[in-house]
N, C-alpha and C. Protein backbone atom coordinates (compact mmCIF):
# COMPACT_ATOMS: atom_id res chain seq x y z
N UNK A 1 21.92 9.98 -21.95
CA UNK A 1 21.38 10.47 -20.69
C UNK A 1 22.48 10.34 -19.63
N UNK A 2 22.66 11.39 -18.85
CA UNK A 2 23.70 11.31 -17.81
C UNK A 2 23.18 10.50 -16.62
N UNK A 3 24.13 10.05 -15.80
CA UNK A 3 23.81 9.16 -14.69
C UNK A 3 22.89 9.84 -13.66
N UNK A 4 23.15 11.10 -13.36
CA UNK A 4 22.35 11.79 -12.35
C UNK A 4 20.90 11.95 -12.80
N UNK A 5 20.71 12.27 -14.05
CA UNK A 5 19.34 12.42 -14.57
C UNK A 5 18.61 11.09 -14.55
N UNK A 6 19.30 10.01 -14.93
CA UNK A 6 18.70 8.68 -14.91
C UNK A 6 18.36 8.27 -13.47
N UNK A 7 19.26 8.57 -12.53
CA UNK A 7 18.99 8.26 -11.12
C UNK A 7 17.75 9.00 -10.63
N UNK A 8 17.63 10.27 -10.99
CA UNK A 8 16.44 11.05 -10.59
C UNK A 8 15.17 10.46 -11.19
N UNK A 9 15.24 10.06 -12.44
CA UNK A 9 14.07 9.49 -13.11
C UNK A 9 13.66 8.18 -12.46
N UNK A 10 14.63 7.32 -12.19
CA UNK A 10 14.32 6.04 -11.54
C UNK A 10 13.78 6.28 -10.14
N UNK A 11 14.42 7.22 -9.39
CA UNK A 11 13.97 7.51 -8.03
C UNK A 11 12.52 8.02 -8.04
N UNK A 12 12.22 8.96 -8.95
CA UNK A 12 10.87 9.52 -9.02
C UNK A 12 9.85 8.44 -9.35
N UNK A 13 10.19 7.58 -10.30
CA UNK A 13 9.27 6.50 -10.67
C UNK A 13 9.08 5.54 -9.50
N UNK A 14 10.17 5.20 -8.83
CA UNK A 14 10.10 4.26 -7.71
C UNK A 14 9.24 4.82 -6.59
N UNK A 15 9.47 6.07 -6.20
CA UNK A 15 8.70 6.65 -5.10
C UNK A 15 7.24 6.85 -5.51
N UNK A 16 6.99 7.18 -6.77
CA UNK A 16 5.61 7.30 -7.24
C UNK A 16 4.90 5.96 -7.14
N UNK A 17 5.62 4.89 -7.41
CA UNK A 17 5.02 3.56 -7.29
C UNK A 17 4.86 3.15 -5.83
N UNK A 18 5.75 3.61 -4.96
CA UNK A 18 5.56 3.40 -3.52
C UNK A 18 4.26 4.09 -3.09
N UNK A 19 4.07 5.33 -3.56
CA UNK A 19 2.84 6.06 -3.24
C UNK A 19 1.61 5.38 -3.82
N UNK A 20 1.75 4.80 -5.01
CA UNK A 20 0.63 4.08 -5.61
C UNK A 20 0.26 2.86 -4.77
N UNK A 21 1.28 2.15 -4.29
CA UNK A 21 1.02 0.99 -3.42
C UNK A 21 0.30 1.43 -2.16
N UNK A 22 0.77 2.50 -1.53
CA UNK A 22 0.12 3.01 -0.31
C UNK A 22 -1.32 3.40 -0.59
N UNK A 23 -1.55 4.07 -1.72
CA UNK A 23 -2.90 4.50 -2.08
C UNK A 23 -3.83 3.30 -2.25
N UNK A 24 -3.35 2.28 -2.95
CA UNK A 24 -4.17 1.09 -3.18
C UNK A 24 -4.46 0.35 -1.87
N UNK A 25 -3.45 0.22 -1.01
CA UNK A 25 -3.68 -0.45 0.28
C UNK A 25 -4.63 0.36 1.15
N UNK A 26 -4.51 1.70 1.10
CA UNK A 26 -5.44 2.55 1.84
C UNK A 26 -6.86 2.36 1.30
N UNK A 27 -7.00 2.33 -0.02
CA UNK A 27 -8.33 2.12 -0.62
C UNK A 27 -8.91 0.78 -0.18
N UNK A 28 -8.08 -0.25 -0.14
CA UNK A 28 -8.54 -1.58 0.28
C UNK A 28 -9.06 -1.53 1.72
N UNK A 29 -8.26 -0.95 2.63
CA UNK A 29 -8.66 -0.86 4.04
C UNK A 29 -9.91 0.02 4.19
N UNK A 30 -9.94 1.13 3.48
CA UNK A 30 -11.09 2.04 3.58
C UNK A 30 -12.36 1.34 3.10
N UNK A 31 -12.30 0.66 1.97
CA UNK A 31 -13.49 -0.01 1.45
C UNK A 31 -13.93 -1.16 2.35
N UNK A 32 -12.99 -1.86 2.96
CA UNK A 32 -13.36 -2.91 3.92
C UNK A 32 -14.07 -2.29 5.12
N UNK A 33 -13.52 -1.16 5.61
CA UNK A 33 -14.15 -0.47 6.73
C UNK A 33 -15.54 0.05 6.37
N UNK A 34 -15.65 0.61 5.18
CA UNK A 34 -16.95 1.13 4.73
C UNK A 34 -17.95 -0.01 4.57
N UNK A 35 -17.48 -1.15 4.09
CA UNK A 35 -18.36 -2.32 3.93
C UNK A 35 -18.90 -2.76 5.30
N UNK A 36 -18.04 -2.81 6.29
CA UNK A 36 -18.47 -3.17 7.65
C UNK A 36 -19.42 -2.10 8.20
N UNK A 37 -19.05 -0.87 8.01
CA UNK A 37 -19.85 0.26 8.49
C UNK A 37 -21.26 0.22 7.88
N UNK A 38 -21.35 0.06 6.57
CA UNK A 38 -22.65 0.03 5.92
C UNK A 38 -23.43 -1.23 6.28
N UNK A 39 -22.74 -2.33 6.54
CA UNK A 39 -23.43 -3.55 6.99
C UNK A 39 -24.07 -3.30 8.35
N UNK A 40 -23.34 -2.63 9.24
CA UNK A 40 -23.91 -2.30 10.56
C UNK A 40 -25.10 -1.36 10.43
N UNK A 41 -24.99 -0.39 9.55
CA UNK A 41 -26.09 0.54 9.32
C UNK A 41 -27.31 -0.22 8.80
N UNK A 42 -27.09 -1.16 7.90
CA UNK A 42 -28.19 -1.95 7.34
C UNK A 42 -28.85 -2.81 8.41
N UNK A 43 -28.04 -3.39 9.30
CA UNK A 43 -28.59 -4.20 10.39
C UNK A 43 -29.41 -3.32 11.33
N UNK A 44 -28.89 -2.15 11.67
CA UNK A 44 -29.64 -1.24 12.54
C UNK A 44 -30.95 -0.79 11.87
N UNK A 45 -30.88 -0.53 10.60
CA UNK A 45 -32.10 -0.14 9.88
C UNK A 45 -33.10 -1.30 9.83
N UNK A 46 -32.59 -2.52 9.72
CA UNK A 46 -33.48 -3.69 9.73
C UNK A 46 -34.18 -3.84 11.07
N UNK A 47 -33.47 -3.55 12.13
CA UNK A 47 -34.07 -3.61 13.47
C UNK A 47 -35.18 -2.56 13.60
N UNK A 48 -34.92 -1.38 13.07
CA UNK A 48 -35.95 -0.32 13.07
C UNK A 48 -37.16 -0.76 12.24
N UNK A 49 -36.90 -1.47 11.16
CA UNK A 49 -37.99 -1.96 10.30
C UNK A 49 -38.91 -2.90 11.07
N UNK A 50 -38.31 -3.75 11.90
CA UNK A 50 -39.12 -4.67 12.71
C UNK A 50 -40.04 -3.88 13.62
N UNK A 51 -39.54 -2.81 14.20
CA UNK A 51 -40.35 -2.00 15.11
C UNK A 51 -41.44 -1.22 14.36
N UNK A 52 -41.10 -0.66 13.20
CA UNK A 52 -42.03 0.22 12.52
C UNK A 52 -42.93 -0.49 11.51
N UNK A 53 -42.52 -1.61 11.00
CA UNK A 53 -43.30 -2.38 10.01
C UNK A 53 -43.82 -1.48 8.90
N UNK A 54 -42.92 -0.82 8.23
CA UNK A 54 -43.24 0.13 7.17
C UNK A 54 -42.78 -0.45 5.83
N UNK A 55 -43.67 -0.50 4.83
CA UNK A 55 -43.31 -1.07 3.53
C UNK A 55 -42.25 -0.24 2.81
N UNK A 56 -42.36 1.06 2.87
CA UNK A 56 -41.38 1.93 2.22
C UNK A 56 -40.01 1.73 2.85
N UNK A 57 -39.99 1.66 4.16
CA UNK A 57 -38.75 1.45 4.89
C UNK A 57 -38.18 0.07 4.55
N UNK A 58 -39.05 -0.93 4.43
CA UNK A 58 -38.62 -2.29 4.06
C UNK A 58 -37.99 -2.32 2.67
N UNK A 59 -38.59 -1.58 1.75
CA UNK A 59 -38.04 -1.50 0.40
C UNK A 59 -36.66 -0.84 0.42
N UNK A 60 -36.52 0.20 1.24
CA UNK A 60 -35.23 0.88 1.37
C UNK A 60 -34.17 -0.07 1.93
N UNK A 61 -34.53 -0.87 2.93
CA UNK A 61 -33.59 -1.82 3.53
C UNK A 61 -33.19 -2.86 2.50
N UNK A 62 -34.13 -3.34 1.73
CA UNK A 62 -33.82 -4.32 0.68
C UNK A 62 -32.89 -3.71 -0.35
N UNK A 63 -33.16 -2.49 -0.74
CA UNK A 63 -32.31 -1.77 -1.69
C UNK A 63 -30.90 -1.60 -1.12
N UNK A 64 -30.79 -1.25 0.15
CA UNK A 64 -29.49 -1.09 0.79
C UNK A 64 -28.72 -2.41 0.81
N UNK A 65 -29.41 -3.50 1.12
CA UNK A 65 -28.75 -4.81 1.17
C UNK A 65 -28.24 -5.23 -0.20
N UNK A 66 -29.06 -5.06 -1.22
CA UNK A 66 -28.65 -5.42 -2.58
C UNK A 66 -27.50 -4.52 -3.04
N UNK A 67 -27.60 -3.24 -2.75
CA UNK A 67 -26.53 -2.29 -3.12
C UNK A 67 -25.23 -2.66 -2.43
N UNK A 68 -25.30 -3.01 -1.17
CA UNK A 68 -24.12 -3.40 -0.41
C UNK A 68 -23.47 -4.63 -1.03
N UNK A 69 -24.27 -5.59 -1.43
CA UNK A 69 -23.75 -6.80 -2.08
C UNK A 69 -23.07 -6.46 -3.40
N UNK A 70 -23.72 -5.65 -4.22
CA UNK A 70 -23.17 -5.29 -5.53
C UNK A 70 -21.87 -4.50 -5.38
N UNK A 71 -21.87 -3.52 -4.49
CA UNK A 71 -20.66 -2.71 -4.27
C UNK A 71 -19.53 -3.58 -3.74
N UNK A 72 -19.85 -4.49 -2.82
CA UNK A 72 -18.83 -5.41 -2.29
C UNK A 72 -18.22 -6.28 -3.37
N UNK A 73 -19.06 -6.80 -4.26
CA UNK A 73 -18.56 -7.62 -5.36
C UNK A 73 -17.73 -6.79 -6.34
N UNK A 74 -18.18 -5.58 -6.61
CA UNK A 74 -17.43 -4.70 -7.51
C UNK A 74 -16.06 -4.37 -6.93
N UNK A 75 -16.02 -4.09 -5.62
CA UNK A 75 -14.74 -3.74 -4.99
C UNK A 75 -13.75 -4.90 -5.06
N UNK A 76 -14.26 -6.12 -5.00
CA UNK A 76 -13.37 -7.28 -5.16
C UNK A 76 -12.72 -7.30 -6.54
N UNK A 77 -13.45 -6.87 -7.55
CA UNK A 77 -12.89 -6.88 -8.92
C UNK A 77 -11.80 -5.84 -9.11
N UNK A 78 -11.72 -4.85 -8.21
CA UNK A 78 -10.69 -3.82 -8.32
C UNK A 78 -9.31 -4.34 -7.90
N UNK A 79 -9.26 -5.45 -7.17
CA UNK A 79 -8.01 -6.15 -6.80
C UNK A 79 -6.95 -5.20 -6.23
N UNK A 80 -7.32 -4.39 -5.28
CA UNK A 80 -6.39 -3.40 -4.72
C UNK A 80 -5.12 -4.04 -4.17
N UNK A 81 -5.26 -5.10 -3.37
CA UNK A 81 -4.07 -5.68 -2.74
C UNK A 81 -3.17 -6.36 -3.76
N UNK A 82 -3.73 -7.02 -4.77
CA UNK A 82 -2.92 -7.64 -5.81
C UNK A 82 -2.16 -6.59 -6.61
N UNK A 83 -2.83 -5.53 -6.96
CA UNK A 83 -2.18 -4.45 -7.72
C UNK A 83 -1.10 -3.77 -6.87
N UNK A 84 -1.35 -3.61 -5.57
CA UNK A 84 -0.35 -3.03 -4.67
C UNK A 84 0.89 -3.92 -4.62
N UNK A 85 0.69 -5.23 -4.60
CA UNK A 85 1.82 -6.16 -4.59
C UNK A 85 2.65 -6.01 -5.86
N UNK A 86 1.99 -5.84 -7.00
CA UNK A 86 2.72 -5.63 -8.27
C UNK A 86 3.55 -4.35 -8.22
N UNK A 87 2.99 -3.28 -7.64
CA UNK A 87 3.75 -2.04 -7.49
C UNK A 87 4.98 -2.28 -6.60
N UNK A 88 4.79 -3.03 -5.52
CA UNK A 88 5.91 -3.30 -4.61
C UNK A 88 7.01 -4.09 -5.32
N UNK A 89 6.60 -5.08 -6.07
CA UNK A 89 7.59 -5.90 -6.79
C UNK A 89 8.40 -5.04 -7.76
N UNK A 90 7.74 -4.17 -8.49
CA UNK A 90 8.44 -3.35 -9.48
C UNK A 90 9.29 -2.28 -8.81
N UNK A 91 8.79 -1.64 -7.75
CA UNK A 91 9.64 -0.61 -7.14
C UNK A 91 10.83 -1.22 -6.42
N UNK A 92 10.74 -2.47 -6.02
CA UNK A 92 11.92 -3.15 -5.46
C UNK A 92 12.98 -3.36 -6.55
N UNK A 93 12.52 -3.70 -7.74
CA UNK A 93 13.46 -3.86 -8.86
C UNK A 93 14.06 -2.52 -9.26
N UNK A 94 13.27 -1.47 -9.20
CA UNK A 94 13.79 -0.13 -9.50
C UNK A 94 14.87 0.28 -8.49
N UNK A 95 14.68 -0.12 -7.23
CA UNK A 95 15.68 0.17 -6.20
C UNK A 95 17.02 -0.50 -6.56
N UNK A 96 16.95 -1.71 -7.08
CA UNK A 96 18.18 -2.41 -7.50
C UNK A 96 18.89 -1.64 -8.61
N UNK A 97 18.12 -1.07 -9.53
CA UNK A 97 18.73 -0.27 -10.59
C UNK A 97 19.43 0.95 -10.01
N UNK A 98 18.80 1.58 -9.01
CA UNK A 98 19.43 2.73 -8.37
C UNK A 98 20.75 2.34 -7.72
N UNK A 99 20.76 1.19 -7.04
CA UNK A 99 22.00 0.72 -6.42
C UNK A 99 23.09 0.48 -7.45
N UNK A 100 22.70 -0.08 -8.59
CA UNK A 100 23.69 -0.34 -9.64
C UNK A 100 24.27 0.97 -10.19
N UNK A 101 23.45 2.00 -10.27
CA UNK A 101 23.95 3.29 -10.74
C UNK A 101 24.94 3.92 -9.77
N UNK A 102 24.85 3.56 -8.50
CA UNK A 102 25.74 4.12 -7.48
C UNK A 102 27.10 3.41 -7.41
N UNK A 103 27.22 2.29 -8.10
CA UNK A 103 28.49 1.55 -8.06
C UNK A 103 29.59 2.36 -8.73
N UNK A 104 30.78 2.35 -8.15
CA UNK A 104 31.89 3.06 -8.80
C UNK A 104 32.32 2.35 -10.08
N UNK A 105 32.81 3.12 -11.04
CA UNK A 105 33.32 2.56 -12.29
C UNK A 105 32.25 2.17 -13.29
N UNK A 106 31.05 2.73 -13.16
CA UNK A 106 29.98 2.40 -14.10
C UNK A 106 30.30 3.04 -15.45
N UNK A 107 30.13 2.28 -16.52
CA UNK A 107 30.45 2.81 -17.85
C UNK A 107 29.18 2.99 -18.68
N UNK A 108 29.34 3.48 -19.91
CA UNK A 108 28.19 3.78 -20.78
C UNK A 108 27.37 2.53 -21.10
N UNK A 109 28.03 1.39 -21.26
CA UNK A 109 27.31 0.15 -21.55
C UNK A 109 26.41 -0.24 -20.37
N UNK A 110 26.94 -0.06 -19.14
CA UNK A 110 26.13 -0.35 -17.95
C UNK A 110 24.92 0.57 -17.88
N UNK A 111 25.15 1.84 -18.18
CA UNK A 111 24.05 2.82 -18.14
C UNK A 111 22.99 2.47 -19.18
N UNK A 112 23.41 2.06 -20.36
CA UNK A 112 22.45 1.67 -21.40
C UNK A 112 21.66 0.43 -20.98
N UNK A 113 22.32 -0.53 -20.33
CA UNK A 113 21.61 -1.72 -19.83
C UNK A 113 20.59 -1.33 -18.76
N UNK A 114 20.99 -0.42 -17.88
CA UNK A 114 20.07 0.02 -16.83
C UNK A 114 18.88 0.76 -17.44
N UNK A 115 19.13 1.58 -18.45
CA UNK A 115 18.03 2.27 -19.14
C UNK A 115 17.06 1.27 -19.76
N UNK A 116 17.59 0.24 -20.39
CA UNK A 116 16.75 -0.79 -21.02
C UNK A 116 15.94 -1.53 -19.95
N UNK A 117 16.59 -1.91 -18.86
CA UNK A 117 15.88 -2.61 -17.78
C UNK A 117 14.81 -1.71 -17.16
N UNK A 118 15.12 -0.42 -17.04
CA UNK A 118 14.15 0.55 -16.52
C UNK A 118 12.91 0.58 -17.42
N UNK A 119 13.14 0.70 -18.72
CA UNK A 119 12.01 0.73 -19.67
C UNK A 119 11.22 -0.57 -19.63
N UNK A 120 11.90 -1.70 -19.50
CA UNK A 120 11.22 -3.00 -19.42
C UNK A 120 10.36 -3.08 -18.16
N UNK A 121 10.90 -2.59 -17.04
CA UNK A 121 10.13 -2.61 -15.79
C UNK A 121 8.89 -1.72 -15.88
N UNK A 122 9.05 -0.56 -16.49
CA UNK A 122 7.92 0.36 -16.63
C UNK A 122 6.82 -0.28 -17.48
N UNK A 123 7.23 -0.95 -18.55
CA UNK A 123 6.25 -1.56 -19.45
C UNK A 123 5.60 -2.80 -18.82
N UNK A 124 6.26 -3.37 -17.83
CA UNK A 124 5.80 -4.63 -17.25
C UNK A 124 4.54 -4.50 -16.39
N UNK A 125 4.40 -3.39 -15.70
CA UNK A 125 3.29 -3.28 -14.76
C UNK A 125 2.41 -2.09 -15.03
N UNK A 126 1.39 -1.99 -14.21
CA UNK A 126 0.46 -0.86 -14.26
C UNK A 126 1.20 0.41 -13.88
N UNK A 127 0.86 1.50 -14.50
CA UNK A 127 1.52 2.76 -14.18
C UNK A 127 0.79 3.44 -13.03
N UNK A 128 1.50 4.22 -12.27
CA UNK A 128 0.90 5.00 -11.19
C UNK A 128 0.08 6.13 -11.80
N UNK A 129 -0.79 6.75 -11.00
CA UNK A 129 -1.58 7.86 -11.49
C UNK A 129 -0.84 9.17 -11.24
N UNK A 130 -1.29 10.22 -11.85
CA UNK A 130 -0.63 11.53 -11.74
C UNK A 130 -0.56 11.98 -10.29
N UNK A 131 -1.59 11.72 -9.52
CA UNK A 131 -1.61 12.11 -8.11
C UNK A 131 -0.43 11.50 -7.35
N UNK A 132 -0.09 10.24 -7.66
CA UNK A 132 1.05 9.59 -6.99
C UNK A 132 2.35 10.33 -7.31
N UNK A 133 2.48 10.77 -8.55
CA UNK A 133 3.66 11.53 -8.97
C UNK A 133 3.71 12.88 -8.24
N UNK A 134 2.58 13.57 -8.20
CA UNK A 134 2.53 14.86 -7.50
C UNK A 134 2.86 14.69 -6.02
N UNK A 135 2.37 13.62 -5.44
CA UNK A 135 2.65 13.35 -4.03
C UNK A 135 4.14 13.10 -3.82
N UNK A 136 4.77 12.42 -4.76
CA UNK A 136 6.21 12.19 -4.70
C UNK A 136 6.96 13.52 -4.70
N UNK A 137 6.58 14.39 -5.62
CA UNK A 137 7.25 15.69 -5.70
C UNK A 137 7.01 16.50 -4.44
N UNK A 138 5.76 16.51 -3.95
CA UNK A 138 5.43 17.30 -2.78
C UNK A 138 6.21 16.83 -1.55
N UNK A 139 6.39 15.52 -1.40
CA UNK A 139 7.05 14.97 -0.23
C UNK A 139 8.58 14.94 -0.36
N UNK A 140 9.10 15.32 -1.52
CA UNK A 140 10.56 15.27 -1.72
C UNK A 140 11.25 16.44 -1.02
N UNK A 141 12.57 16.43 -1.07
CA UNK A 141 13.34 17.53 -0.48
C UNK A 141 12.93 18.84 -1.12
N UNK A 142 13.01 19.90 -0.35
CA UNK A 142 12.55 21.20 -0.82
C UNK A 142 13.23 21.61 -2.13
N UNK A 143 14.53 21.39 -2.22
CA UNK A 143 15.26 21.79 -3.43
C UNK A 143 14.72 21.04 -4.66
N UNK A 144 14.48 19.74 -4.49
CA UNK A 144 13.97 18.94 -5.61
C UNK A 144 12.56 19.39 -5.97
N UNK A 145 11.75 19.63 -4.94
CA UNK A 145 10.36 20.06 -5.17
C UNK A 145 10.33 21.39 -5.90
N UNK A 146 11.17 22.32 -5.49
CA UNK A 146 11.18 23.65 -6.09
C UNK A 146 11.56 23.58 -7.57
N UNK A 147 12.53 22.72 -7.90
CA UNK A 147 12.99 22.65 -9.29
C UNK A 147 12.12 21.77 -10.18
N UNK A 148 11.30 20.89 -9.60
CA UNK A 148 10.53 19.94 -10.43
C UNK A 148 9.01 20.12 -10.35
N UNK A 149 8.53 20.94 -9.41
CA UNK A 149 7.07 21.04 -9.21
C UNK A 149 6.62 22.47 -9.44
N UNK A 150 5.82 22.66 -10.50
CA UNK A 150 5.31 24.00 -10.77
C UNK A 150 3.96 24.22 -10.08
N UNK A 151 3.39 25.39 -10.26
CA UNK A 151 2.12 25.74 -9.61
C UNK A 151 0.96 24.84 -10.02
N UNK A 152 0.94 24.45 -11.28
CA UNK A 152 -0.13 23.56 -11.78
C UNK A 152 -0.06 22.21 -11.06
N UNK A 153 1.16 21.72 -10.85
CA UNK A 153 1.33 20.44 -10.17
C UNK A 153 0.92 20.54 -8.70
N UNK A 154 1.28 21.66 -8.06
CA UNK A 154 0.88 21.86 -6.66
C UNK A 154 -0.64 21.91 -6.55
N UNK A 155 -1.27 22.62 -7.48
CA UNK A 155 -2.73 22.70 -7.48
C UNK A 155 -3.34 21.31 -7.70
N UNK A 156 -2.75 20.52 -8.61
CA UNK A 156 -3.21 19.16 -8.85
C UNK A 156 -3.09 18.29 -7.62
N UNK A 157 -1.97 18.45 -6.91
CA UNK A 157 -1.77 17.67 -5.68
C UNK A 157 -2.83 18.03 -4.64
N UNK A 158 -3.01 19.33 -4.39
CA UNK A 158 -3.97 19.74 -3.36
C UNK A 158 -5.41 19.43 -3.76
N UNK A 159 -5.72 19.50 -5.05
CA UNK A 159 -7.06 19.10 -5.51
C UNK A 159 -7.28 17.61 -5.25
N UNK A 160 -6.23 16.82 -5.49
CA UNK A 160 -6.31 15.38 -5.22
C UNK A 160 -6.53 15.09 -3.75
N UNK A 161 -5.82 15.81 -2.88
CA UNK A 161 -6.00 15.63 -1.44
C UNK A 161 -7.42 16.02 -1.03
N UNK A 162 -7.87 17.18 -1.51
CA UNK A 162 -9.22 17.65 -1.18
C UNK A 162 -10.29 16.70 -1.70
N UNK A 163 -10.15 16.24 -2.95
CA UNK A 163 -11.12 15.33 -3.54
C UNK A 163 -11.23 14.05 -2.72
N UNK A 164 -10.11 13.46 -2.34
CA UNK A 164 -10.11 12.22 -1.56
C UNK A 164 -10.76 12.43 -0.20
N UNK A 165 -10.51 13.58 0.41
CA UNK A 165 -11.11 13.89 1.70
C UNK A 165 -12.64 14.02 1.57
N UNK A 166 -13.09 14.77 0.57
CA UNK A 166 -14.53 14.98 0.39
C UNK A 166 -15.26 13.68 0.07
N UNK A 167 -14.67 12.82 -0.73
CA UNK A 167 -15.30 11.53 -1.05
C UNK A 167 -15.42 10.69 0.22
N UNK A 168 -14.35 10.63 1.01
CA UNK A 168 -14.38 9.83 2.25
C UNK A 168 -15.44 10.37 3.22
N UNK A 169 -15.49 11.69 3.41
CA UNK A 169 -16.47 12.28 4.32
C UNK A 169 -17.88 12.03 3.81
N UNK A 170 -18.09 12.14 2.51
CA UNK A 170 -19.42 11.91 1.93
C UNK A 170 -19.88 10.47 2.15
N UNK A 171 -18.98 9.54 1.93
CA UNK A 171 -19.32 8.12 2.09
C UNK A 171 -19.68 7.83 3.54
N UNK A 172 -18.93 8.42 4.46
CA UNK A 172 -19.18 8.19 5.89
C UNK A 172 -20.45 8.90 6.35
N UNK A 173 -20.70 10.10 5.82
CA UNK A 173 -21.85 10.90 6.27
C UNK A 173 -23.18 10.44 5.66
N UNK A 174 -23.15 9.76 4.53
CA UNK A 174 -24.39 9.39 3.83
C UNK A 174 -25.40 8.66 4.71
N UNK A 175 -25.02 7.62 5.47
CA UNK A 175 -26.03 6.97 6.32
C UNK A 175 -26.64 7.90 7.37
N UNK A 176 -25.84 8.81 7.92
CA UNK A 176 -26.37 9.76 8.89
C UNK A 176 -27.40 10.68 8.25
N UNK A 177 -27.09 11.14 7.04
CA UNK A 177 -28.03 12.01 6.34
C UNK A 177 -29.33 11.27 6.01
N UNK A 178 -29.21 10.03 5.54
CA UNK A 178 -30.40 9.23 5.24
C UNK A 178 -31.20 8.94 6.52
N UNK A 179 -30.49 8.58 7.59
CA UNK A 179 -31.17 8.28 8.85
C UNK A 179 -31.90 9.51 9.38
N UNK A 180 -31.26 10.66 9.30
CA UNK A 180 -31.88 11.90 9.75
C UNK A 180 -33.15 12.18 8.96
N UNK A 181 -33.07 11.99 7.64
CA UNK A 181 -34.25 12.23 6.79
C UNK A 181 -35.36 11.23 7.11
N UNK A 182 -35.01 9.94 7.26
CA UNK A 182 -36.03 8.92 7.54
C UNK A 182 -36.65 9.10 8.91
N UNK A 183 -35.82 9.38 9.92
CA UNK A 183 -36.36 9.58 11.26
C UNK A 183 -37.22 10.84 11.31
N UNK A 184 -36.85 11.85 10.53
CA UNK A 184 -37.68 13.06 10.45
C UNK A 184 -39.04 12.74 9.87
N UNK A 185 -39.06 11.91 8.84
CA UNK A 185 -40.34 11.50 8.24
C UNK A 185 -41.14 10.69 9.23
N UNK A 186 -40.50 9.75 9.94
CA UNK A 186 -41.19 8.90 10.90
C UNK A 186 -41.77 9.73 12.07
N UNK A 187 -40.99 10.68 12.53
CA UNK A 187 -41.46 11.51 13.64
C UNK A 187 -42.66 12.34 13.19
N UNK A 188 -42.64 12.84 11.94
CA UNK A 188 -43.78 13.60 11.44
C UNK A 188 -45.02 12.71 11.30
N UNK A 189 -44.81 11.44 10.89
CA UNK A 189 -45.94 10.51 10.75
C UNK A 189 -46.56 10.19 12.11
N UNK A 190 -45.68 10.02 13.09
CA UNK A 190 -46.16 9.68 14.44
C UNK A 190 -46.83 10.89 15.08
N UNK A 191 -46.34 12.09 14.72
CA UNK A 191 -46.92 13.32 15.26
C UNK A 191 -46.24 13.80 16.52
N UNK A 192 -44.95 13.48 16.66
CA UNK A 192 -44.23 13.94 17.85
C UNK A 192 -43.70 15.32 17.62
């Protein structure tokens, strides 16, 4: 393998792992925010329950509280911040390999050692997902993107962006949709 090709491979892997770290940290912050958001919604719904004294509404509040607890516990098992730290540790080591490849006078034995260390680092940690790789290609220099990213990869990247946006909007909108439905039922019961 020539030096330039190895440098590109290490760079792509390193940046993909940087993107994986960012994605995991974003997921951690988003889930913490959603947990707080849903806790506030549950508290507000509990206050409404006190006013309306409705058994169906009480059952819904209990279900929301239990669901919030279960989802919170499940999110802890995903270990987003710990996994992000592992990505950071490995991409820092990959950066060192890139620096070694840039040293003048590098010979074939050095390149083989770097290849072995690269393979060892890759095997050591969790791999990034395809979306992280597509994001790396999309954010790279135009020349690199044009030569390394085909139409299928572009479509995969944009599908990933759209999917993440729709999931976030759905999670945020769900309490509003439920509240609208419940208040509509309550208003019909009251006869307003």
